[in-house]
Amino acid sequence: MSQALTERPAQSWSDEFRATFLLAWPLVVAQVAQNALFTTDVIMMGWLGPEFLAGGTLATAFFMPFLLLGGGIVSAVAPLAAQAIGARKIKNVRRSVRQGFWAAIVIALALLPLIWQIETILLAAGQEPHLAALAGLYMHVAVFVLFPGLGLFVLRSFLSALGSTQIILYTTIAGVIVNAVGNYALMFGNFGFPRLELLGAAITTVVTNAVMFGLLLAYALLHRRYKRFYILVRLWKPDWPRFVEIFRIGTPIGLTIMAEVGMFAIAAIFVGWLGTDALAAHAVALQCASFAFMVPLGVGMASTVRVGLAFGAGSDDAVGKAGWTSMMVGVGFMCITCALFLTMPGFFVRFFLDPTDPGNANALALAGTFLVMAGVFQIVDGAQVVAAHALRGLADTTVPMIIALIGYWLVGMPIAWWLGDASRLGGVGVWTGLAAGLGFVAVILTARFAMREQLGLLARRRMVAA
């Protein structure tokens, strides 16, 4: 009954709320678990020593934007599949998934030679040679995660479109366990395995993603509800219109994600100019904000599916219900975190910095101040991510990408750079810039969804009918 509810447009606000909740909560927890994968790697690299942690961190920081770019592109499968399901065109679901796999392979093959040159690129960027060498050692194995990793994005998009998000959660939890055990065995030479240190972490990363991909693929092929889609039938057969459509819709999604990730990465550099305490405080506040962000992100993913279903079914009323319900849920949660960060920032920062150590006094004070600023932008951060995902359900991605680029890089970054100078507001100024960029994007994207009919966004059903 619950899955049937998530596979059709809702007739009432209460039905839409239930369907959104059923879709979103496993995705929220899965996002938290996904973060745990990276957290496990960081912790265990730290056990190896500072140099290994620094080398692994350099490699991951270099690699993640490319993975997110590719993942954003192939995640176009979600709105396309949801629209096809809403239009009751089952064959088009298979076409979208099949070409999603094609796109994943093409993207992986295109990115692999570039990422392989990580050591050369890091040396050219002025990094220390021994750290660049460690990053290269790690990445020359970990780069092959592109193939199962991008395939995972495709399968998650397919299963999310069908309302089957709990299996995504269970698979991610399984991945966390495999990753932790694999790291413990291969990095440190336990259970009779050789001690491979950073190379062991890279092998485990690839194996973990391959296991997760295999589990989801087996589920999609063998479960009676999903095997009827025959997603691997004639996989070798090209479908150029659908292949091009995935890149048309997905490329702006990937670039939007990179724009936001890049804004926060550059902000860290600005804060780093202010000293070690400021950078440590920034990391603490950002971790708290990132954890809270997982909720509207999961709700936004559900919104893409719910809006796409209604859009494909031709129900403009249901499109509105789906988008605004997700907005209320996502922003409503961020109102709670906003209140918590504003009223009790010290409670949260003490989880990361020992308050009994006198040497942490300045960092603790700065972290509390930065977390208050994070509280200020909680609401707009939730609004922008849900609005962006709702628009993706309408296959509207190019204009939102332009809005994001303007908001993050022409509004947020200049403010963060100017106000972030030590002679002005310092770290508070950097966070003010982040809030301004997110606020700009949130207002414009929300207005765009509200004006979807006037802008002609509801008339775009070309690929569903094809």
Protein backbone atom coordinates (compact mmCIF):
# COMPACT_ATOMS: atom_id res chain seq x y z
CA MET A 1 0.00 0.00 0.00
CA SER A 2 2.77 2.44 0.95
CA GLN A 3 4.75 1.80 -2.26
CA ALA A 4 1.59 2.14 -4.35
CA LEU A 5 1.04 5.54 -2.72
CA THR A 6 4.50 6.73 -3.74
CA GLU A 7 4.08 5.60 -7.37
CA ARG A 8 1.15 7.86 -8.24
CA PRO A 9 0.34 11.58 -7.98
CA ALA A 10 -1.47 12.48 -4.77
CA GLN A 11 -5.10 13.59 -4.72
CA SER A 12 -4.87 15.43 -1.40
CA TRP A 13 -2.30 17.31 0.68
CA SER A 14 -2.34 14.60 3.35
CA ASP A 15 -1.63 11.88 0.78
CA GLU A 16 1.22 13.96 -0.63
CA PHE A 17 2.71 14.45 2.81
CA ARG A 18 2.60 10.71 3.49
CA ALA A 19 4.11 9.86 0.10
CA THR A 20 6.88 12.44 0.51
CA PHE A 21 7.69 11.20 4.00
CA LEU A 22 7.78 7.54 2.90
CA LEU A 23 10.18 8.41 0.09
CA ALA A 24 12.32 10.88 1.98
CA TRP A 25 13.19 9.32 5.33
CA PRO A 26 15.29 6.44 3.94
CA LEU A 27 17.07 8.88 1.64
CA VAL A 28 17.86 11.19 4.56
CA VAL A 29 19.33 8.36 6.63
CA ALA A 30 21.17 7.02 3.56
CA GLN A 31 22.80 10.44 3.07
CA VAL A 32 23.95 10.40 6.69
CA ALA A 33 25.31 6.87 6.20
CA GLN A 34 27.04 7.96 2.99
CA ASN A 35 28.82 10.65 5.01
CA ALA A 36 29.84 7.95 7.46
CA LEU A 37 31.76 6.24 4.63
CA PHE A 38 34.01 9.27 4.23
CA THR A 39 34.20 9.83 7.99
CA THR A 40 35.46 6.26 8.47
CA ASP A 41 38.17 6.82 5.86
CA VAL A 42 39.29 10.07 7.49
CA ILE A 43 39.44 8.54 10.97
CA MET A 44 41.45 5.51 9.84
CA MET A 45 43.80 7.57 7.68
CA GLY A 46 44.43 9.66 10.77
CA TRP A 47 45.40 6.49 12.65
CA LEU A 48 48.10 5.91 10.03
CA GLY A 49 49.58 9.33 10.73
CA PRO A 50 49.29 12.99 9.71
CA GLU A 51 51.07 12.57 6.37
CA PHE A 52 48.77 9.76 5.27
CA LEU A 53 45.75 11.78 6.33
CA ALA A 54 47.02 14.83 4.45
CA GLY A 55 47.74 12.80 1.30
CA GLY A 56 44.40 11.02 1.41
CA THR A 57 42.56 14.27 2.06
CA LEU A 58 44.26 15.93 -0.91
CA ALA A 59 43.25 13.02 -3.12
CA THR A 60 39.66 13.03 -1.92
CA ALA A 61 39.33 16.81 -2.22
CA PHE A 62 40.61 16.60 -5.80
CA PHE A 63 38.41 13.63 -6.75
CA MET A 64 35.04 14.44 -5.17
CA PRO A 65 34.04 17.35 -7.46
CA PHE A 66 34.53 15.12 -10.50
CA LEU A 67 32.52 12.28 -8.94
CA LEU A 68 29.72 14.68 -8.02
CA LEU A 69 29.76 16.16 -11.52
CA GLY A 70 29.32 12.71 -13.06
CA GLY A 71 26.78 11.72 -10.44
CA GLY A 72 24.79 14.86 -11.09
CA ILE A 73 24.69 14.13 -14.81
CA VAL A 74 23.45 10.54 -14.51
CA SER A 75 20.98 11.49 -11.77
CA ALA A 76 18.87 12.85 -14.63
CA VAL A 77 17.58 9.26 -14.73
CA ALA A 78 15.40 10.08 -11.67
CA PRO A 79 13.18 12.78 -13.21
CA LEU A 80 13.05 11.03 -16.60
CA ALA A 81 12.04 7.70 -15.03
CA ALA A 82 9.53 9.38 -12.71
CA GLN A 83 7.94 11.27 -15.60
CA ALA A 84 7.70 8.04 -17.61
CA ILE A 85 6.06 6.21 -14.68
CA GLY A 86 3.62 9.07 -14.23
CA ALA A 87 2.77 8.88 -17.95
CA ARG A 88 2.51 5.06 -17.69
CA LYS A 89 5.20 4.60 -20.35
CA ILE A 90 7.11 1.68 -18.83
CA LYS A 91 9.38 1.22 -21.83
CA ASN A 92 10.74 4.73 -21.35
CA VAL A 93 11.84 3.84 -17.82
CA ARG A 94 14.10 1.11 -19.22
CA ARG A 95 15.38 3.45 -21.93
CA SER A 96 16.36 6.07 -19.33
CA VAL A 97 18.12 3.58 -17.06
CA ARG A 98 19.93 1.89 -19.92
CA GLN A 99 21.23 5.18 -21.29
CA GLY A 100 22.09 6.23 -17.75
CA PHE A 101 24.52 3.31 -17.65
CA TRP A 102 25.90 4.37 -21.02
CA ALA A 103 26.42 7.90 -19.74
CA ALA A 104 28.11 6.58 -16.58
CA ILE A 105 30.62 4.59 -18.62
CA VAL A 106 31.34 7.47 -21.00
CA ILE A 107 31.84 9.93 -18.12
CA ALA A 108 34.11 7.51 -16.23
CA LEU A 109 36.26 6.91 -19.31
CA ALA A 110 36.51 10.66 -19.96
CA LEU A 111 37.47 11.55 -16.37
CA LEU A 112 39.90 8.69 -15.73
CA PRO A 113 42.89 10.08 -17.74
CA LEU A 114 42.53 13.51 -16.08
CA ILE A 115 42.28 12.16 -12.53
CA TRP A 116 45.22 9.83 -13.22
CA GLN A 117 47.42 12.92 -13.49
CA ILE A 118 46.63 14.00 -9.92
CA GLU A 119 50.25 13.97 -8.75
CA THR A 120 51.38 16.19 -11.62
CA ILE A 121 48.47 18.56 -11.05
CA LEU A 122 49.09 18.80 -7.30
CA LEU A 123 52.78 19.48 -7.86
CA ALA A 124 51.89 22.25 -10.30
CA ALA A 125 49.57 23.68 -7.63
CA GLY A 126 52.49 23.95 -5.21
CA GLN A 127 51.74 20.96 -2.94
CA GLU A 128 54.63 19.22 -1.20
CA PRO A 129 56.08 16.40 -3.35
CA HIS A 130 55.72 13.62 -0.75
CA LEU A 131 52.06 14.50 -0.16
CA ALA A 132 51.39 14.67 -3.89
CA ALA A 133 53.02 11.23 -4.24
CA LEU A 134 50.79 9.76 -1.51
CA ALA A 135 47.71 11.29 -3.17
CA GLY A 136 48.79 9.77 -6.48
CA LEU A 137 49.31 6.35 -4.92
CA TYR A 138 45.81 6.45 -3.44
CA MET A 139 44.09 7.85 -6.53
CA HIS A 140 45.66 5.48 -9.07
CA VAL A 141 43.52 2.76 -7.50
CA ALA A 142 40.59 4.75 -6.13
CA VAL A 143 39.92 6.34 -9.54
CA PHE A 144 38.30 3.07 -10.65
CA VAL A 145 35.47 3.78 -8.21
CA LEU A 146 34.08 5.93 -11.03
CA PHE A 147 32.56 2.89 -12.72
CA PRO A 148 30.60 1.33 -9.83
CA GLY A 149 30.15 4.73 -8.18
CA LEU A 150 28.41 6.34 -11.15
CA GLY A 151 26.47 3.12 -11.72
CA LEU A 152 25.21 3.49 -8.15
CA PHE A 153 23.85 6.95 -8.97
CA VAL A 154 21.91 5.43 -11.88
CA LEU A 155 20.41 2.62 -9.81
CA ARG A 156 19.54 4.92 -6.92
CA SER A 157 17.78 7.24 -9.34
CA PHE A 158 15.83 4.33 -10.85
CA LEU A 159 14.75 2.87 -7.51
CA SER A 160 13.92 6.29 -6.06
CA ALA A 161 11.65 6.98 -9.03
CA LEU A 162 9.80 3.77 -8.16
CA GLY A 163 9.48 4.72 -4.51
CA SER A 164 11.90 2.02 -3.32
CA THR A 165 14.21 4.08 -1.13
CA GLN A 166 14.56 1.76 1.87
CA ILE A 167 16.78 -0.62 -0.11
CA ILE A 168 19.06 2.35 -0.84
CA LEU A 169 19.35 2.92 2.90
CA TYR A 170 20.07 -0.75 3.67
CA THR A 171 22.67 -0.96 0.90
CA THR A 172 24.43 2.18 2.14
CA ILE A 173 24.57 0.80 5.68
CA ALA A 174 26.04 -2.43 4.29
CA GLY A 175 28.62 -0.28 2.48
CA VAL A 176 29.60 1.46 5.72
CA ILE A 177 30.22 -1.93 7.34
CA VAL A 178 32.20 -3.30 4.38
CA ASN A 179 34.25 -0.11 4.23
CA ALA A 180 35.11 -0.16 7.94
CA VAL A 181 36.07 -3.86 7.94
CA GLY A 182 38.01 -3.53 4.68
CA ASN A 183 39.95 -0.53 5.92
CA TYR A 184 40.78 -2.27 9.19
CA ALA A 185 42.00 -5.33 7.32
CA LEU A 186 43.91 -3.80 4.41
CA MET A 187 45.19 -0.54 5.86
CA PHE A 188 46.58 -2.08 9.05
CA GLY A 189 47.26 -5.70 8.03
CA ASN A 190 44.63 -7.36 10.23
CA PHE A 191 42.83 -10.69 9.71
CA GLY A 192 45.89 -12.08 7.92
CA PHE A 193 45.90 -9.43 5.17
CA PRO A 194 49.03 -7.46 4.22
CA ARG A 195 49.45 -3.94 5.63
CA LEU A 196 48.84 -1.73 2.59
CA GLU A 197 48.18 1.56 4.40
CA LEU A 198 46.82 4.22 2.00
CA LEU A 199 46.73 1.74 -0.89
CA GLY A 200 44.52 -0.49 1.26
CA ALA A 201 42.10 2.40 1.78
CA ALA A 202 41.89 2.90 -1.98
CA ILE A 203 41.23 -0.80 -2.65
CA THR A 204 38.53 -0.83 0.02
CA THR A 205 36.85 2.22 -1.50
CA VAL A 206 36.57 0.50 -4.89
CA VAL A 207 35.43 -2.81 -3.38
CA THR A 208 32.82 -1.10 -1.19
CA ASN A 209 31.26 0.73 -4.12
CA ALA A 210 31.34 -2.43 -6.23
CA VAL A 211 29.55 -4.36 -3.48
CA MET A 212 26.91 -1.66 -3.11
CA PHE A 213 26.42 -1.53 -6.88
CA GLY A 214 26.12 -5.32 -7.05
CA LEU A 215 23.55 -5.42 -4.25
CA LEU A 216 21.34 -2.75 -5.84
CA LEU A 217 21.66 -4.29 -9.31
CA ALA A 218 20.71 -7.74 -8.00
CA TYR A 219 17.72 -6.23 -6.21
CA ALA A 220 16.58 -4.42 -9.36
CA LEU A 221 16.98 -7.54 -11.53
CA LEU A 222 15.52 -10.15 -9.19
CA HIS A 223 12.76 -8.43 -7.22
CA ARG A 224 9.39 -9.23 -8.78
CA ARG A 225 8.27 -5.59 -8.74
CA TYR A 226 11.31 -4.32 -10.65
CA LYS A 227 12.49 -7.11 -12.91
CA ARG A 228 9.55 -6.34 -15.22
CA PHE A 229 11.47 -3.25 -16.34
CA TYR A 230 14.28 -5.43 -17.80
CA ILE A 231 16.81 -2.63 -17.28
CA LEU A 232 19.70 -4.60 -18.81
CA VAL A 233 17.83 -5.91 -21.86
CA ARG A 234 19.66 -4.84 -25.03
CA LEU A 235 22.05 -2.79 -22.96
CA TRP A 236 24.36 -2.58 -25.97
CA LYS A 237 21.65 -0.94 -28.09
CA PRO A 238 22.17 2.82 -28.54
CA ASP A 239 19.29 5.20 -27.89
CA TRP A 240 20.78 8.51 -28.92
CA PRO A 241 17.80 10.81 -28.23
CA ARG A 242 17.52 9.53 -24.66
CA PHE A 243 21.33 9.55 -24.23
CA VAL A 244 21.47 13.21 -25.31
CA GLU A 245 18.53 14.08 -23.05
CA ILE A 246 20.33 12.67 -20.02
CA PHE A 247 23.27 14.97 -20.70
CA ARG A 248 20.96 17.90 -21.50
CA ILE A 249 19.16 17.58 -18.17
CA GLY A 250 22.00 16.14 -16.11
CA THR A 251 24.96 18.34 -17.04
CA PRO A 252 23.44 21.46 -15.46
CA ILE A 253 22.66 19.40 -12.34
CA GLY A 254 26.29 18.30 -12.08
CA LEU A 255 27.59 21.82 -12.66
CA THR A 256 25.17 23.22 -10.07
CA ILE A 257 26.48 20.78 -7.48
CA MET A 258 30.07 21.68 -8.38
CA ALA A 259 29.27 25.38 -8.07
CA GLU A 260 27.96 24.97 -4.52
CA VAL A 261 30.75 22.61 -3.46
CA GLY A 262 33.27 25.01 -4.97
CA MET A 263 31.84 27.99 -3.06
CA PHE A 264 32.32 26.22 0.26
CA ALA A 265 35.79 25.01 -0.76
CA ILE A 266 36.95 28.53 -1.59
CA ALA A 267 35.35 29.81 1.61
CA ALA A 268 37.59 27.40 3.55
CA ILE A 269 40.62 28.97 1.86
CA PHE A 270 39.43 32.46 2.87
CA VAL A 271 39.03 31.32 6.48
CA GLY A 272 42.41 29.58 6.36
CA TRP A 273 44.04 32.97 5.78
CA LEU A 274 42.77 33.96 9.24
CA GLY A 275 44.74 31.27 11.09
CA THR A 276 44.52 27.74 12.45
CA ASP A 277 41.90 28.47 15.12
CA ALA A 278 39.59 30.10 12.60
CA LEU A 279 39.96 27.18 10.18
CA ALA A 280 39.28 24.61 12.92
CA ALA A 281 36.22 26.58 14.04
CA HIS A 282 35.03 26.80 10.44
CA ALA A 283 35.35 23.03 10.04
CA VAL A 284 33.29 22.42 13.18
CA ALA A 285 30.49 24.79 12.20
CA LEU A 286 30.45 23.45 8.65
CA GLN A 287 30.18 19.86 9.88
CA CYS A 288 27.16 20.77 12.01
CA ALA A 289 25.53 22.61 9.11
CA SER A 290 26.30 19.72 6.73
CA PHE A 291 24.68 17.21 9.05
CA ALA A 292 21.50 19.30 9.24
CA PHE A 293 21.58 19.71 5.44
CA MET A 294 21.08 15.96 4.96
CA VAL A 295 17.39 16.29 5.84
CA PRO A 296 16.34 18.84 3.19
CA LEU A 297 18.67 17.10 0.72
CA GLY A 298 16.81 13.80 1.20
CA VAL A 299 13.47 15.60 1.04
CA GLY A 300 14.64 17.32 -2.14
CA MET A 301 15.48 13.97 -3.75
CA ALA A 302 11.97 12.78 -2.90
CA SER A 303 10.61 16.01 -4.36
CA THR A 304 12.26 15.29 -7.73
CA VAL A 305 10.42 11.97 -7.89
CA ARG A 306 7.07 13.26 -6.64
CA VAL A 307 7.09 16.28 -8.96
CA GLY A 308 8.26 14.11 -11.86
CA LEU A 309 5.43 11.61 -11.34
CA ALA A 310 2.83 14.37 -11.29
CA PHE A 311 4.45 16.09 -14.26
CA GLY A 312 4.47 12.88 -16.32
CA ALA A 313 0.84 12.19 -15.43
CA GLY A 314 -0.11 15.66 -16.61
CA SER A 315 -1.50 16.73 -13.25
CA ASP A 316 -0.49 20.35 -12.73
CA ASP A 317 -2.31 20.46 -9.41
CA ALA A 318 -0.33 17.46 -8.13
CA VAL A 319 2.91 19.13 -9.26
CA GLY A 320 2.14 22.03 -6.94
CA LYS A 321 1.20 19.76 -4.05
CA ALA A 322 4.41 17.75 -4.45
CA GLY A 323 6.71 20.77 -4.63
CA TRP A 324 5.18 22.79 -1.82
CA THR A 325 4.83 19.80 0.50
CA SER A 326 8.54 19.07 0.15
CA MET A 327 9.31 22.74 0.69
CA MET A 328 7.27 22.81 3.91
CA VAL A 329 8.92 19.65 5.23
CA GLY A 330 12.49 20.64 4.31
CA VAL A 331 12.28 24.26 5.40
CA GLY A 332 10.26 23.33 8.48
CA PHE A 333 13.07 21.09 9.69
CA MET A 334 15.66 23.78 9.00
CA CYS A 335 13.63 26.24 11.10
CA ILE A 336 14.24 23.89 14.03
CA THR A 337 17.99 23.65 13.40
CA CYS A 338 18.10 27.42 12.91
CA ALA A 339 16.62 27.91 16.38
CA LEU A 340 19.01 25.39 17.91
CA PHE A 341 22.13 26.87 16.31
CA LEU A 342 21.10 30.40 17.30
CA THR A 343 20.26 29.63 20.91
CA MET A 344 22.74 26.92 21.93
CA PRO A 345 25.76 26.87 19.62
CA GLY A 346 28.13 25.97 22.47
CA PHE A 347 26.33 22.69 23.04
CA PHE A 348 27.15 21.48 19.52
CA VAL A 349 30.74 22.71 19.16
CA ARG A 350 31.76 20.91 22.37
CA PHE A 351 31.25 17.61 20.55
CA PHE A 352 34.24 18.49 18.36
CA LEU A 353 36.57 20.51 20.60
CA ASP A 354 37.53 19.71 24.19
CA PRO A 355 36.28 22.60 26.34
CA THR A 356 38.64 21.62 29.19
CA ASP A 357 41.72 22.31 27.05
CA PRO A 358 42.74 25.98 27.45
CA GLY A 359 44.32 25.85 24.01
CA ASN A 360 40.87 25.39 22.44
CA ALA A 361 39.33 28.50 24.00
CA ASN A 362 39.69 30.73 20.94
CA ALA A 363 38.60 28.03 18.49
CA LEU A 364 35.55 27.23 20.65
CA ALA A 365 34.50 30.87 20.74
CA LEU A 366 34.93 31.25 16.98
CA ALA A 367 33.10 27.97 16.30
CA GLY A 368 30.15 29.16 18.38
CA THR A 369 30.04 32.43 16.46
CA PHE A 370 30.28 30.69 13.09
CA LEU A 371 27.53 28.25 14.09
CA VAL A 372 25.24 31.19 14.84
CA MET A 373 25.91 32.38 11.28
CA ALA A 374 25.16 28.86 10.05
CA GLY A 375 21.86 29.11 11.89
CA VAL A 376 21.08 32.29 9.99
CA PHE A 377 21.29 30.54 6.61
CA GLN A 378 19.64 27.25 7.62
CA ILE A 379 16.25 28.25 6.25
CA VAL A 380 17.50 29.51 2.88
CA ASP A 381 19.84 26.52 2.54
CA GLY A 382 16.87 24.18 2.95
CA ALA A 383 14.74 26.23 0.56
CA GLN A 384 17.33 26.33 -2.22
CA VAL A 385 18.03 22.59 -2.25
CA VAL A 386 14.35 21.59 -2.20
CA ALA A 387 13.43 24.16 -4.87
CA ALA A 388 16.29 22.99 -7.11
CA HIS A 389 15.19 19.36 -6.81
CA ALA A 390 11.53 20.22 -7.42
CA LEU A 391 12.51 22.00 -10.64
CA ARG A 392 14.52 18.94 -11.67
CA GLY A 393 11.28 16.98 -11.50
CA LEU A 394 10.08 19.28 -14.30
CA ALA A 395 13.34 18.61 -16.20
CA ASP A 396 14.19 22.28 -15.62
CA THR A 397 17.92 22.34 -14.92
CA THR A 398 19.71 24.80 -17.21
CA VAL A 399 18.27 28.05 -15.86
CA PRO A 400 18.62 26.88 -12.21
CA MET A 401 22.28 26.16 -12.98
CA ILE A 402 22.77 29.73 -14.22
CA ILE A 403 20.98 31.06 -11.13
CA ALA A 404 23.24 28.95 -8.90
CA LEU A 405 26.40 30.13 -10.65
CA ILE A 406 25.34 33.77 -10.27
CA GLY A 407 24.26 33.33 -6.64
CA TYR A 408 27.27 31.36 -5.46
CA TRP A 409 30.05 32.97 -7.47
CA LEU A 410 28.88 36.51 -8.29
CA VAL A 411 26.98 37.19 -5.07
CA GLY A 412 28.28 34.88 -2.33
CA MET A 413 31.97 34.70 -3.16
CA PRO A 414 32.67 38.45 -3.60
CA ILE A 415 30.90 39.22 -0.32
CA ALA A 416 32.76 36.43 1.48
CA TRP A 417 36.10 37.65 0.08
CA TRP A 418 35.54 41.34 0.90
CA LEU A 419 33.91 40.97 4.32
CA GLY A 420 36.17 38.04 5.21
CA ASP A 421 39.27 40.21 5.36
CA ALA A 422 40.83 40.31 8.83
CA SER A 423 40.42 44.10 8.87
CA ARG A 424 36.65 43.78 8.40
CA LEU A 425 34.51 40.91 9.75
CA GLY A 426 36.95 38.03 9.32
CA GLY A 427 35.33 34.59 9.54
CA VAL A 428 31.91 36.10 10.22
CA GLY A 429 32.24 37.96 6.94
CA VAL A 430 32.99 34.74 5.08
CA TRP A 431 29.88 33.12 6.55
CA THR A 432 27.88 36.24 5.68
CA GLY A 433 28.90 35.73 2.07
CA LEU A 434 27.82 32.09 2.18
CA ALA A 435 24.44 33.12 3.60
CA ALA A 436 24.02 35.79 0.92
CA GLY A 437 24.78 33.38 -1.90
CA LEU A 438 22.43 30.70 -0.59
CA GLY A 439 19.72 33.29 0.10
CA PHE A 440 19.91 34.67 -3.44
CA VAL A 441 19.59 31.22 -4.97
CA ALA A 442 16.78 30.20 -2.59
CA VAL A 443 14.62 33.23 -3.40
CA ILE A 444 15.06 33.00 -7.18
CA LEU A 445 14.56 29.22 -7.43
CA THR A 446 11.52 29.28 -5.15
CA ALA A 447 10.02 32.08 -7.23
CA ARG A 448 10.74 30.10 -10.40
CA PHE A 449 8.87 27.08 -9.07
CA ALA A 450 5.98 29.31 -7.97
CA MET A 451 5.83 30.82 -11.50
CA ARG A 452 6.22 27.45 -13.27
CA GLU A 453 3.00 27.85 -15.27
CA GLN A 454 3.72 31.41 -16.41
CA LEU A 455 7.24 30.39 -17.42
CA GLY A 456 5.96 27.48 -19.50
CA LEU A 457 7.70 24.81 -17.43
CA LEU A 458 4.59 22.62 -17.28
CA ALA A 459 4.46 22.35 -21.07
CA ARG A 460 7.72 20.38 -21.30
CA ARG A 461 6.68 16.78 -21.76
CA ARG A 462 8.56 16.06 -24.95
CA MET A 463 10.73 13.13 -23.76
CA VAL A 464 7.91 11.52 -21.79
CA ALA A 465 5.76 11.27 -24.86
CA ALA A 466 8.66 10.18 -27.09
